[in-house]
Amino acid sequence: MGWRGLLSWNPFGTMIAVAAIVLGALGMIIGDGVSQGMTNSLAGHANVIAHLWGAMFAVGGLVNLYGLYARRLVIEVPGLYLITGGYAFYCLTVITGLQTQGLAAGTISGALTIGCVLKAHAIMNRARHVAQEGGEAA
């Protein structure tokens, strides 16, 4: 299956991970210039934190993307949790740093945070269900 077929298999999960990789890379490269909200809310410490946030976010996206396309849920879930942390942190800093001007970006990031948590929770529930079925069959 080519990359287009794979993309159509899970477009939402793919774009969540790709956005995390892109935003994370920007955070690693640019630092606090990547987000005025982050700069405002983390006055004095924003540059170091933006680099660390970017690294975590990009790694989460890469791990999630690998797990998604290798169909390895054991790898996908930790990636989802790192992405969740990245989106949640951005949501908090952009709303705190920009107040009403940050509501749109904060709302989108908050929704993506919730979506990632729900997906990780669904994967874990399914894994528990499969494990219980396997135990009953033995």
Protein backbone atom coordinates (compact mmCIF):
# COMPACT_ATOMS: atom_id res chain seq x y z
CA MET A 1 0.00 0.00 0.00
CA GLY A 2 1.42 3.39 -1.01
CA TRP A 3 1.56 6.50 1.17
CA ARG A 4 -1.78 7.74 -0.17
CA GLY A 5 -3.47 4.50 0.81
CA LEU A 6 -1.91 4.65 4.25
CA LEU A 7 -2.99 8.28 4.67
CA SER A 8 -6.58 7.42 3.79
CA TRP A 9 -6.47 4.64 6.40
CA ASN A 10 -6.18 7.15 9.29
CA PRO A 11 -6.08 10.75 8.07
CA PHE A 12 -6.94 12.36 11.42
CA GLY A 13 -4.28 10.45 13.35
CA THR A 14 -1.74 11.17 10.64
CA MET A 15 -2.37 14.92 10.58
CA ILE A 16 -2.33 15.17 14.39
CA ALA A 17 1.11 13.55 14.39
CA VAL A 18 2.41 15.57 11.41
CA ALA A 19 1.25 18.83 13.02
CA ALA A 20 3.06 17.84 16.24
CA ILE A 21 6.23 17.11 14.27
CA VAL A 22 6.09 20.43 12.40
CA LEU A 23 5.21 22.53 15.46
CA GLY A 24 7.74 20.68 17.58
CA ALA A 25 10.49 21.21 15.00
CA LEU A 26 9.63 24.91 14.88
CA GLY A 27 9.82 25.06 18.69
CA MET A 28 13.21 23.34 18.69
CA ILE A 29 14.60 25.60 15.96
CA ILE A 30 13.02 28.97 16.76
CA GLY A 31 12.56 28.69 20.51
CA ASP A 32 10.31 31.25 22.16
CA GLY A 33 9.69 33.02 18.85
CA VAL A 34 7.40 30.15 17.85
CA SER A 35 4.58 31.42 20.10
CA GLN A 36 3.92 34.88 21.48
CA GLY A 37 1.54 33.32 23.99
CA MET A 38 4.29 31.06 25.27
CA THR A 39 6.72 33.99 25.45
CA ASN A 40 4.22 36.11 27.40
CA SER A 41 3.13 33.42 29.83
CA LEU A 42 6.62 32.07 30.54
CA ALA A 43 8.45 35.38 30.83
CA GLY A 44 12.16 34.83 31.30
CA HIS A 45 12.09 31.06 30.78
CA ALA A 46 10.23 30.77 27.50
CA ASN A 47 13.21 30.10 25.24
CA VAL A 48 14.52 27.04 27.08
CA ILE A 49 11.01 25.71 27.66
CA ALA A 50 10.05 26.23 24.01
CA HIS A 51 13.06 24.18 22.88
CA LEU A 52 12.20 21.37 25.33
CA TRP A 53 8.50 21.51 24.42
CA GLY A 54 9.41 21.35 20.75
CA ALA A 55 11.62 18.31 21.24
CA MET A 56 8.95 16.47 23.24
CA PHE A 57 6.23 17.39 20.76
CA ALA A 58 8.25 16.36 17.68
CA VAL A 59 9.37 13.08 19.24
CA GLY A 60 5.77 12.35 20.24
CA GLY A 61 4.62 12.96 16.68
CA LEU A 62 7.34 10.74 15.23
CA VAL A 63 6.70 7.92 17.70
CA ASN A 64 2.96 8.15 17.15
CA LEU A 65 3.31 8.18 13.37
CA TYR A 66 5.63 5.18 13.43
CA GLY A 67 3.30 3.26 15.74
CA LEU A 68 0.29 4.17 13.64
CA TYR A 69 1.73 2.98 10.34
CA ALA A 70 3.65 0.01 11.73
CA ARG A 71 0.35 -0.92 13.41
CA ARG A 72 2.12 -1.17 16.74
CA LEU A 73 -0.22 0.14 19.40
CA VAL A 74 2.46 -0.36 22.05
CA ILE A 75 4.44 2.37 20.27
CA GLU A 76 1.48 4.54 19.20
CA VAL A 77 0.14 5.08 22.73
CA PRO A 78 3.31 6.66 24.24
CA GLY A 79 3.45 8.92 21.17
CA LEU A 80 -0.15 9.94 21.80
CA TYR A 81 0.66 10.79 25.40
CA LEU A 82 3.62 12.97 24.37
CA ILE A 83 1.43 14.71 21.77
CA THR A 84 -1.26 15.17 24.42
CA GLY A 85 1.26 16.92 26.66
CA GLY A 86 2.43 19.14 23.81
CA TYR A 87 -1.07 20.24 22.81
CA ALA A 88 -2.15 20.72 26.45
CA PHE A 89 0.92 22.82 27.25
CA TYR A 90 0.40 24.96 24.15
CA CYS A 91 -3.28 25.40 25.01
CA LEU A 92 -2.47 26.64 28.51
CA THR A 93 0.35 28.95 27.49
CA VAL A 94 -1.44 30.52 24.54
CA ILE A 95 -4.59 31.26 26.55
CA THR A 96 -2.59 32.50 29.54
CA GLY A 97 -0.20 34.57 27.43
CA LEU A 98 -2.68 36.05 24.95
CA GLN A 99 -5.97 35.95 26.89
CA THR A 100 -8.89 36.52 24.47
CA GLN A 101 -6.54 36.74 21.45
CA GLY A 102 -5.44 33.19 22.21
CA LEU A 103 -8.90 31.66 22.53
CA ALA A 104 -9.08 30.26 18.98
CA ALA A 105 -5.66 28.57 19.11
CA GLY A 106 -6.27 27.50 22.71
CA THR A 107 -9.62 25.97 21.88
CA ILE A 108 -8.21 24.04 18.93
CA SER A 109 -5.24 22.80 21.00
CA GLY A 110 -7.55 21.89 23.87
CA ALA A 111 -9.78 19.89 21.53
CA LEU A 112 -6.76 18.08 20.10
CA THR A 113 -5.60 17.33 23.65
CA ILE A 114 -8.95 15.75 24.47
CA GLY A 115 -8.99 13.85 21.17
CA CYS A 116 -5.55 12.36 21.84
CA VAL A 117 -6.51 11.33 25.38
CA LEU A 118 -9.72 9.73 24.15
CA LYS A 119 -7.90 7.82 21.41
CA ALA A 120 -5.25 6.54 23.84
CA HIS A 121 -8.02 5.54 26.27
CA ALA A 122 -9.91 3.70 23.51
CA ILE A 123 -6.76 1.82 22.48
CA MET A 124 -6.05 0.81 26.07
CA ASN A 125 -9.66 -0.33 26.63
CA ARG A 126 -9.53 -2.43 23.48
CA ALA A 127 -6.21 -3.95 24.54
CA ARG A 128 -7.67 -4.88 27.95
CA HIS A 129 -10.72 -6.39 26.26
CA VAL A 130 -8.57 -8.46 23.89
CA ALA A 131 -6.35 -9.59 26.79
CA GLN A 132 -9.39 -10.68 28.80
CA GLU A 133 -10.77 -12.63 25.85
CA GLY A 134 -7.40 -14.33 25.41
CA GLY A 135 -7.30 -15.28 29.08
CA GLU A 136 -10.80 -16.79 28.92
CA ALA A 137 -9.93 -18.87 25.85
CA ALA A 138 -6.95 -20.53 27.58
